[in-house]
Amino acid sequence: CIMVIALCSCSKDEYIDITEEEQLLVNDENDDTV
């Protein structure tokens, strides 16, 4: 689950929401990649 959250790279407020489509790309349970 990739969440919209800030980084040790530091910015605090300027983060872009990850759309539902983008989240599905990241959360694809069938991506047998490891």
PDB file of all heavy atoms in Angstrom:
ATOM      1  N   CYS A   1       0.857  -1.190   0.000  1.00  0.00           N
ATOM      2  CA  CYS A   1       0.000   0.000   0.000  1.00  0.00           C
ATOM      3  C   CYS A   1       0.883   1.226   0.000  1.00  0.00           C
ATOM      4  O   CYS A   1       1.476   1.536   1.021  1.00  0.00           O
ATOM      5  CB  CYS A   1      -0.925   0.014   1.207  1.00  0.00           C
ATOM      6  SG  CYS A   1      -2.081  -1.354   1.190  1.00  0.00           S
ATOM      7  N   ILE A   2       0.996   1.873  -1.139  1.00  0.00           N
ATOM      8  CA  ILE A   2       1.802   3.088  -1.187  1.00  0.00           C
ATOM      9  C   ILE A   2       0.923   4.251  -0.737  1.00  0.00           C
ATOM     10  O   ILE A   2      -0.082   4.519  -1.345  1.00  0.00           O
ATOM     11  CB  ILE A   2       2.317   3.342  -2.605  1.00  0.00           C
ATOM     12  CG1 ILE A   2       3.222   2.196  -3.026  1.00  0.00           C
ATOM     13  CG2 ILE A   2       3.083   4.642  -2.671  1.00  0.00           C
ATOM     14  CD1 ILE A   2       4.445   2.031  -2.208  1.00  0.00           C
ATOM     15  N   MET A   3       1.305   4.913   0.328  1.00  0.00           N
ATOM     16  CA  MET A   3       0.514   5.982   0.924  1.00  0.00           C
ATOM     17  C   MET A   3       1.144   7.328   0.590  1.00  0.00           C
ATOM     18  O   MET A   3       2.306   7.395   0.233  1.00  0.00           O
ATOM     19  CB  MET A   3       0.421   5.807   2.445  1.00  0.00           C
ATOM     20  CG  MET A   3      -0.157   4.453   2.836  1.00  0.00           C
ATOM     21  SD  MET A   3      -0.049   4.199   4.604  1.00  0.00           S
ATOM     22  CE  MET A   3      -1.068   5.552   5.149  1.00  0.00           C
ATOM     23  N   VAL A   4       0.348   8.392   0.772  1.00  0.00           N
ATOM     24  CA  VAL A   4       0.834   9.722   0.469  1.00  0.00           C
ATOM     25  C   VAL A   4       1.484  10.267   1.719  1.00  0.00           C
ATOM     26  O   VAL A   4       0.800  10.738   2.596  1.00  0.00           O
ATOM     27  CB  VAL A   4      -0.300  10.655   0.069  1.00  0.00           C
ATOM     28  CG1 VAL A   4       0.227  11.998  -0.358  1.00  0.00           C
ATOM     29  CG2 VAL A   4      -1.098  10.011  -1.013  1.00  0.00           C
ATOM     30  N   ILE A   5       2.771  10.135   1.791  1.00  0.00           N
ATOM     31  CA  ILE A   5       3.435  10.460   3.029  1.00  0.00           C
ATOM     32  C   ILE A   5       4.792  11.062   2.761  1.00  0.00           C
ATOM     33  O   ILE A   5       5.400  10.747   1.787  1.00  0.00           O
ATOM     34  CB  ILE A   5       3.536   9.223   3.944  1.00  0.00           C
ATOM     35  CG1 ILE A   5       3.667   7.991   3.112  1.00  0.00           C
ATOM     36  CG2 ILE A   5       2.379   9.156   4.851  1.00  0.00           C
ATOM     37  CD1 ILE A   5       3.415   6.712   3.817  1.00  0.00           C
ATOM     38  N   ALA A   6       5.259  11.900   3.651  1.00  0.00           N
ATOM     39  CA  ALA A   6       6.479  12.655   3.432  1.00  0.00           C
ATOM     40  C   ALA A   6       7.717  11.826   3.625  1.00  0.00           C
ATOM     41  O   ALA A   6       7.608  10.730   4.029  1.00  0.00           O
ATOM     42  CB  ALA A   6       6.514  13.829   4.367  1.00  0.00           C
ATOM     43  N   LEU A   7       8.892  12.329   3.369  1.00  0.00           N
ATOM     44  CA  LEU A   7      10.113  11.518   3.349  1.00  0.00           C
ATOM     45  C   LEU A   7      11.233  12.088   4.172  1.00  0.00           C
ATOM     46  O   LEU A   7      11.284  13.218   4.534  1.00  0.00           O
ATOM     47  CB  LEU A   7      10.590  11.420   1.903  1.00  0.00           C
ATOM     48  CG  LEU A   7      12.026  11.018   1.689  1.00  0.00           C
ATOM     49  CD1 LEU A   7      12.246   9.555   2.030  1.00  0.00           C
ATOM     50  CD2 LEU A   7      12.479  11.297   0.327  1.00  0.00           C
ATOM     51  N   CYS A   8      12.183  11.171   4.403  1.00  0.00           N
ATOM     52  CA  CYS A   8      13.432  11.641   4.953  1.00  0.00           C
ATOM     53  C   CYS A   8      14.072  12.599   3.978  1.00  0.00           C
ATOM     54  O   CYS A   8      15.052  13.234   4.249  1.00  0.00           O
ATOM     55  CB  CYS A   8      14.382  10.478   5.257  1.00  0.00           C
ATOM     56  SG  CYS A   8      14.524   9.274   3.964  1.00  0.00           S
ATOM     57  N   SER A   9      13.546  12.704   2.789  1.00  0.00           N
ATOM     58  CA  SER A   9      14.032  13.721   1.889  1.00  0.00           C
ATOM     59  C   SER A   9      13.437  15.065   2.233  1.00  0.00           C
ATOM     60  O   SER A   9      13.912  16.053   1.730  1.00  0.00           O
ATOM     61  CB  SER A   9      13.691  13.371   0.462  1.00  0.00           C
ATOM     62  OG  SER A   9      12.335  13.425   0.266  1.00  0.00           O
ATOM     63  N   CYS A  10      12.405  15.090   3.063  1.00  0.00           N
ATOM     64  CA  CYS A  10      12.105  16.272   3.831  1.00  0.00           C
ATOM     65  C   CYS A  10      10.876  17.106   3.571  1.00  0.00           C
ATOM     66  O   CYS A  10      10.370  17.679   4.501  1.00  0.00           O
ATOM     67  CB  CYS A  10      13.278  17.203   3.864  1.00  0.00           C
ATOM     68  SG  CYS A  10      14.418  17.022   2.551  1.00  0.00           S
ATOM     69  N   SER A  11      10.343  17.295   2.389  1.00  0.00           N
ATOM     70  CA  SER A  11       9.236  18.213   2.232  1.00  0.00           C
ATOM     71  C   SER A  11       8.053  17.763   3.036  1.00  0.00           C
ATOM     72  O   SER A  11       7.822  16.598   3.189  1.00  0.00           O
ATOM     73  CB  SER A  11       8.810  18.298   0.775  1.00  0.00           C
ATOM     74  OG  SER A  11       9.730  19.013   0.041  1.00  0.00           O
ATOM     75  N   LYS A  12       7.234  18.684   3.492  1.00  0.00           N
ATOM     76  CA  LYS A  12       6.210  18.290   4.408  1.00  0.00           C
ATOM     77  C   LYS A  12       4.812  18.440   3.874  1.00  0.00           C
ATOM     78  O   LYS A  12       3.944  17.687   4.257  1.00  0.00           O
ATOM     79  CB  LYS A  12       6.438  19.028   5.715  1.00  0.00           C
ATOM     80  CG  LYS A  12       5.434  20.012   6.119  1.00  0.00           C
ATOM     81  CD  LYS A  12       5.779  20.626   7.448  1.00  0.00           C
ATOM     82  CE  LYS A  12       5.396  22.054   7.436  1.00  0.00           C
ATOM     83  NZ  LYS A  12       5.556  22.736   8.627  1.00  0.00           N
ATOM     84  N   ASP A  13       4.523  19.396   3.043  1.00  0.00           N
ATOM     85  CA  ASP A  13       3.137  19.647   2.690  1.00  0.00           C
ATOM     86  C   ASP A  13       2.834  19.496   1.207  1.00  0.00           C
ATOM     87  O   ASP A  13       1.684  19.517   0.811  1.00  0.00           O
ATOM     88  CB  ASP A  13       2.740  21.080   3.088  1.00  0.00           C
ATOM     89  CG  ASP A  13       2.763  21.254   4.587  1.00  0.00           C
ATOM     90  OD1 ASP A  13       2.311  20.348   5.292  1.00  0.00           O
ATOM     91  OD2 ASP A  13       3.235  22.305   5.040  1.00  0.00           O
ATOM     92  N   GLU A  14       3.837  19.384   0.372  1.00  0.00           N
ATOM     93  CA  GLU A  14       3.594  19.490  -1.066  1.00  0.00           C
ATOM     94  C   GLU A  14       3.479  18.143  -1.744  1.00  0.00           C
ATOM     95  O   GLU A  14       3.942  17.962  -2.844  1.00  0.00           O
ATOM     96  CB  GLU A  14       4.727  20.286  -1.720  1.00  0.00           C
ATOM     97  CG  GLU A  14       5.027  21.626  -1.071  1.00  0.00           C
ATOM     98  CD  GLU A  14       6.051  21.525   0.041  1.00  0.00           C
ATOM     99  OE1 GLU A  14       6.356  20.404   0.466  1.00  0.00           O
ATOM    100  OE2 GLU A  14       6.525  22.567   0.469  1.00  0.00           O
ATOM    101  N   TYR A  15       2.835  17.162  -1.131  1.00  0.00           N
ATOM    102  CA  TYR A  15       2.788  15.828  -1.705  1.00  0.00           C
ATOM    103  C   TYR A  15       1.538  15.614  -2.541  1.00  0.00           C
ATOM    104  O   TYR A  15       0.455  16.027  -2.179  1.00  0.00           O
ATOM    105  CB  TYR A  15       2.904  14.772  -0.605  1.00  0.00           C
ATOM    106  CG  TYR A  15       4.244  14.841   0.025  1.00  0.00           C
ATOM    107  CD1 TYR A  15       4.443  15.553   1.183  1.00  0.00           C
ATOM    108  CD2 TYR A  15       5.335  14.263  -0.623  1.00  0.00           C
ATOM    109  CE1 TYR A  15       5.704  15.669   1.721  1.00  0.00           C
ATOM    110  CE2 TYR A  15       6.593  14.372  -0.085  1.00  0.00           C
ATOM    111  CZ  TYR A  15       6.775  15.078   1.083  1.00  0.00           C
ATOM    112  OH  TYR A  15       8.026  15.192   1.618  1.00  0.00           O
ATOM    113  N   ILE A  16       1.725  14.907  -3.651  1.00  0.00           N
ATOM    114  CA  ILE A  16       0.633  14.644  -4.578  1.00  0.00           C
ATOM    115  C   ILE A  16      -0.078  13.373  -4.165  1.00  0.00           C
ATOM    116  O   ILE A  16       0.538  12.361  -3.895  1.00  0.00           O
ATOM    117  CB  ILE A  16       1.183  14.472  -6.009  1.00  0.00           C
ATOM    118  CG1 ILE A  16       1.985  15.723  -6.395  1.00  0.00           C
ATOM    119  CG2 ILE A  16       0.087  14.165  -6.987  1.00  0.00           C
ATOM    120  CD1 ILE A  16       2.721  15.559  -7.694  1.00  0.00           C
ATOM    121  N   ASP A  17      -1.398  13.425  -4.115  1.00  0.00           N
ATOM    122  CA  ASP A  17      -2.142  12.210  -3.819  1.00  0.00           C
ATOM    123  C   ASP A  17      -1.930  11.185  -4.920  1.00  0.00           C
ATOM    124  O   ASP A  17      -1.986  11.510  -6.103  1.00  0.00           O
ATOM    125  CB  ASP A  17      -3.638  12.511  -3.696  1.00  0.00           C
ATOM    126  CG  ASP A  17      -3.969  13.257  -2.418  1.00  0.00           C
ATOM    127  OD1 ASP A  17      -3.209  13.125  -1.452  1.00  0.00           O
ATOM    128  OD2 ASP A  17      -4.977  13.960  -2.412  1.00  0.00           O
ATOM    129  N   ILE A  18      -1.697   9.949  -4.519  1.00  0.00           N
ATOM    130  CA  ILE A  18      -1.598   8.868  -5.494  1.00  0.00           C
ATOM    131  C   ILE A  18      -3.007   8.464  -5.887  1.00  0.00           C
ATOM    132  O   ILE A  18      -3.830   8.148  -5.032  1.00  0.00           O
ATOM    133  CB  ILE A  18      -0.850   7.666  -4.907  1.00  0.00           C
ATOM    134  CG1 ILE A  18       0.582   8.086  -4.539  1.00  0.00           C
ATOM    135  CG2 ILE A  18      -0.799   6.508  -5.881  1.00  0.00           C
ATOM    136  CD1 ILE A  18       1.373   6.996  -3.860  1.00  0.00           C
ATOM    137  N   THR A  19      -3.305   8.497  -7.170  1.00  0.00           N
ATOM    138  CA  THR A  19      -4.653   8.174  -7.616  1.00  0.00           C
ATOM    139  C   THR A  19      -4.940   6.700  -7.432  1.00  0.00           C
ATOM    140  O   THR A  19      -4.044   5.886  -7.239  1.00  0.00           O
ATOM    141  CB  THR A  19      -4.816   8.528  -9.108  1.00  0.00           C
ATOM    142  OG1 THR A  19      -3.965   7.670  -9.856  1.00  0.00           O
ATOM    143  CG2 THR A  19      -4.460   9.976  -9.368  1.00  0.00           C
ATOM    144  N   GLU A  20      -6.228   6.342  -7.524  1.00  0.00           N
ATOM    145  CA  GLU A  20      -6.610   4.944  -7.373  1.00  0.00           C
ATOM    146  C   GLU A  20      -5.972   4.091  -8.455  1.00  0.00           C
ATOM    147  O   GLU A  20      -5.543   2.971  -8.205  1.00  0.00           O
ATOM    148  CB  GLU A  20      -8.134   4.832  -7.441  1.00  0.00           C
ATOM    149  CG  GLU A  20      -8.645   3.436  -7.099  1.00  0.00           C
ATOM    150  CD  GLU A  20     -10.154   3.400  -6.976  1.00  0.00           C
ATOM    151  OE1 GLU A  20     -10.758   4.459  -6.779  1.00  0.00           O
ATOM    152  OE2 GLU A  20     -10.709   2.311  -7.087  1.00  0.00           O
ATOM    153  N   GLU A  21      -5.857   4.639  -9.669  1.00  0.00           N
ATOM    154  CA  GLU A  21      -5.228   3.884 -10.758  1.00  0.00           C
ATOM    155  C   GLU A  21      -3.762   3.612 -10.455  1.00  0.00           C
ATOM    156  O   GLU A  21      -3.266   2.516 -10.625  1.00  0.00           O
ATOM    157  CB  GLU A  21      -5.339   4.673 -12.073  1.00  0.00           C
ATOM    158  CG  GLU A  21      -6.712   4.593 -12.708  1.00  0.00           C
ATOM    159  CD  GLU A  21      -6.690   5.276 -14.063  1.00  0.00           C
ATOM    160  OE1 GLU A  21      -5.893   6.205 -14.270  1.00  0.00           O
ATOM    161  OE2 GLU A  21      -7.472   4.861 -14.905  1.00  0.00           O
ATOM    162  N   GLU A  22      -3.055   4.680  -9.958  1.00  0.00           N
ATOM    163  CA  GLU A  22      -1.643   4.507  -9.638  1.00  0.00           C
ATOM    164  C   GLU A  22      -1.456   3.516  -8.502  1.00  0.00           C
ATOM    165  O   GLU A  22      -0.527   2.720  -8.490  1.00  0.00           O
ATOM    166  CB  GLU A  22      -1.027   5.858  -9.281  1.00  0.00           C
ATOM    167  CG  GLU A  22      -0.904   6.791 -10.489  1.00  0.00           C
ATOM    168  CD  GLU A  22      -0.582   8.212 -10.094  1.00  0.00           C
ATOM    169  OE1 GLU A  22      -0.928   8.603  -8.961  1.00  0.00           O
ATOM    170  OE2 GLU A  22       0.003   8.938 -10.905  1.00  0.00           O
ATOM    171  N   GLN A  23      -2.366   3.564  -7.529  1.00  0.00           N
ATOM    172  CA  GLN A  23      -2.232   2.656  -6.398  1.00  0.00           C
ATOM    173  C   GLN A  23      -2.433   1.207  -6.846  1.00  0.00           C
ATOM    174  O   GLN A  23      -1.760   0.304  -6.370  1.00  0.00           O
ATOM    175  CB  GLN A  23      -3.266   3.018  -5.333  1.00  0.00           C
ATOM    176  CG  GLN A  23      -2.938   2.417  -3.989  1.00  0.00           C
ATOM    177  CD  GLN A  23      -3.194   3.391  -2.859  1.00  0.00           C
ATOM    178  OE1 GLN A  23      -3.857   4.385  -3.046  1.00  0.00           O
ATOM    179  NE2 GLN A  23      -2.660   3.087  -1.703  1.00  0.00           N
ATOM    180  N   LEU A  24      -3.327   1.009  -7.792  1.00  0.00           N
ATOM    181  CA  LEU A  24      -3.531  -0.342  -8.297  1.00  0.00           C
ATOM    182  C   LEU A  24      -2.271  -0.844  -8.996  1.00  0.00           C
ATOM    183  O   LEU A  24      -1.928  -2.024  -8.916  1.00  0.00           O
ATOM    184  CB  LEU A  24      -4.722  -0.371  -9.269  1.00  0.00           C
ATOM    185  CG  LEU A  24      -6.100  -0.248  -8.613  1.00  0.00           C
ATOM    186  CD1 LEU A  24      -7.173  -0.101  -9.678  1.00  0.00           C
ATOM    187  CD2 LEU A  24      -6.385  -1.466  -7.739  1.00  0.00           C
ATOM    188  N   LEU A  25      -1.583   0.079  -9.696  1.00  0.00           N
ATOM    189  CA  LEU A  25      -0.330  -0.322 -10.332  1.00  0.00           C
ATOM    190  C   LEU A  25       0.669  -0.808  -9.298  1.00  0.00           C
ATOM    191  O   LEU A  25       1.357  -1.803  -9.479  1.00  0.00           O
ATOM    192  CB  LEU A  25       0.271   0.875 -11.092  1.00  0.00           C
ATOM    193  CG  LEU A  25      -0.374   1.237 -12.427  1.00  0.00           C
ATOM    194  CD1 LEU A  25       0.242   2.534 -12.930  1.00  0.00           C
ATOM    195  CD2 LEU A  25      -0.165   0.122 -13.433  1.00  0.00           C
ATOM    196  N   VAL A  26       0.749  -0.068  -8.184  1.00  0.00           N
ATOM    197  CA  VAL A  26       1.720  -0.406  -7.152  1.00  0.00           C
ATOM    198  C   VAL A  26       1.290  -1.616  -6.352  1.00  0.00           C
ATOM    199  O   VAL A  26       2.099  -2.409  -5.890  1.00  0.00           O
ATOM    200  CB  VAL A  26       1.923   0.813  -6.224  1.00  0.00           C
ATOM    201  CG1 VAL A  26       2.858   0.456  -5.078  1.00  0.00           C
ATOM    202  CG2 VAL A  26       2.492   1.983  -7.003  1.00  0.00           C
ATOM    203  N   ASN A  27      -0.015  -1.809  -6.202  1.00  0.00           N
ATOM    204  CA  ASN A  27      -0.525  -2.849  -5.311  1.00  0.00           C
ATOM    205  C   ASN A  27      -0.923  -4.126  -6.037  1.00  0.00           C
ATOM    206  O   ASN A  27      -1.649  -4.952  -5.495  1.00  0.00           O
ATOM    207  CB  ASN A  27      -1.757  -2.319  -4.553  1.00  0.00           C
ATOM    208  CG  ASN A  27      -1.404  -1.225  -3.584  1.00  0.00           C
ATOM    209  OD1 ASN A  27      -0.247  -1.035  -3.285  1.00  0.00           O
ATOM    210  ND2 ASN A  27      -2.392  -0.507  -3.093  1.00  0.00           N
ATOM    211  N   ASP A  28      -0.466  -4.275  -7.264  1.00  0.00           N
ATOM    212  CA  ASP A  28      -0.875  -5.433  -8.058  1.00  0.00           C
ATOM    213  C   ASP A  28      -0.424  -6.739  -7.408  1.00  0.00           C
ATOM    214  O   ASP A  28       0.741  -7.082  -7.382  1.00  0.00           O
ATOM    215  CB  ASP A  28      -0.250  -5.309  -9.458  1.00  0.00           C
ATOM    216  CG  ASP A  28      -0.674  -6.436 -10.385  1.00  0.00           C
ATOM    217  OD1 ASP A  28      -1.478  -7.290  -9.940  1.00  0.00           O
ATOM    218  OD2 ASP A  28      -0.209  -6.465 -11.532  1.00  0.00           O
ATOM    219  N   GLU A  29      -1.367  -7.483  -6.862  1.00  0.00           N
ATOM    220  CA  GLU A  29      -1.036  -8.704  -6.145  1.00  0.00           C
ATOM    221  C   GLU A  29      -0.522  -9.799  -7.089  1.00  0.00           C
ATOM    222  O   GLU A  29       0.090 -10.761  -6.645  1.00  0.00           O
ATOM    223  CB  GLU A  29      -2.262  -9.225  -5.389  1.00  0.00           C
ATOM    224  CG  GLU A  29      -2.677  -8.337  -4.248  1.00  0.00           C
ATOM    225  CD  GLU A  29      -3.793  -8.956  -3.444  1.00  0.00           C
ATOM    226  OE1 GLU A  29      -4.122 -10.117  -3.687  1.00  0.00           O
ATOM    227  OE2 GLU A  29      -4.333  -8.272  -2.593  1.00  0.00           O
ATOM    228  N   ASN A  30      -0.774  -9.626  -8.360  1.00  0.00           N
ATOM    229  CA  ASN A  30      -0.327 -10.644  -9.296  1.00  0.00           C
ATOM    230  C   ASN A  30       1.048 -10.334  -9.874  1.00  0.00           C
ATOM    231  O   ASN A  30       1.544 -11.051 -10.727  1.00  0.00           O
ATOM    232  CB  ASN A  30      -1.340 -10.766 -10.451  1.00  0.00           C
ATOM    233  CG  ASN A  30      -2.681 -11.253  -9.946  1.00  0.00           C
ATOM    234  OD1 ASN A  30      -2.749 -12.147  -9.115  1.00  0.00           O
ATOM    235  ND2 ASN A  30      -3.750 -10.652 -10.444  1.00  0.00           N
ATOM    236  N   ASP A  31       1.677  -9.217  -9.384  1.00  0.00           N
ATOM    237  CA  ASP A  31       2.995  -8.846  -9.872  1.00  0.00           C
ATOM    238  C   ASP A  31       4.019  -9.706  -9.170  1.00  0.00           C
ATOM    239  O   ASP A  31       4.496  -9.402  -8.103  1.00  0.00           O
ATOM    240  CB  ASP A  31       3.245  -7.360  -9.601  1.00  0.00           C
ATOM    241  CG  ASP A  31       4.545  -6.903 -10.248  1.00  0.00           C
ATOM    242  OD1 ASP A  31       5.138  -7.674 -11.021  1.00  0.00           O
ATOM    243  OD2 ASP A  31       4.933  -5.771  -9.959  1.00  0.00           O
ATOM    244  N   ASP A  32       4.369 -10.812  -9.782  1.00  0.00           N
ATOM    245  CA  ASP A  32       5.231 -11.832  -9.167  1.00  0.00           C
ATOM    246  C   ASP A  32       6.683 -11.432  -9.371  1.00  0.00           C
ATOM    247  O   ASP A  32       7.414 -12.036 -10.132  1.00  0.00           O
ATOM    248  CB  ASP A  32       4.936 -13.165  -9.846  1.00  0.00           C
ATOM    249  CG  ASP A  32       5.478 -14.343  -9.083  1.00  0.00           C
ATOM    250  OD1 ASP A  32       5.738 -14.203  -7.886  1.00  0.00           O
ATOM    251  OD2 ASP A  32       5.623 -15.407  -9.721  1.00  0.00           O
ATOM    252  N   THR A  33       7.122 -10.347  -8.661  1.00  0.00           N
ATOM    253  CA  THR A  33       8.370  -9.712  -9.054  1.00  0.00           C
ATOM    254  C   THR A  33       9.522  -9.881  -8.099  1.00  0.00           C
ATOM    255  O   THR A  33      10.627  -9.471  -8.412  1.00  0.00           O
ATOM    256  CB  THR A  33       8.145  -8.201  -9.233  1.00  0.00           C
ATOM    257  OG1 THR A  33       7.616  -7.677  -8.012  1.00  0.00           O
ATOM    258  CG2 THR A  33       7.200  -7.921 -10.360  1.00  0.00           C
ATOM    259  N   VAL A  34       9.336 -10.436  -6.938  1.00  0.00           N
ATOM    260  CA  VAL A  34      10.444 -10.512  -6.003  1.00  0.00           C
ATOM    261  C   VAL A  34      11.242 -11.777  -6.237  1.00  0.00           C
ATOM    262  O   VAL A  34      10.707 -12.868  -6.250  1.00  0.00           O
ATOM    263  CB  VAL A  34       9.932 -10.462  -4.547  1.00  0.00           C
ATOM    264  CG1 VAL A  34      11.095 -10.586  -3.579  1.00  0.00           C
ATOM    265  CG2 VAL A  34       9.193  -9.156  -4.312  1.00  0.00           C
TER     266      VAL A  34
END
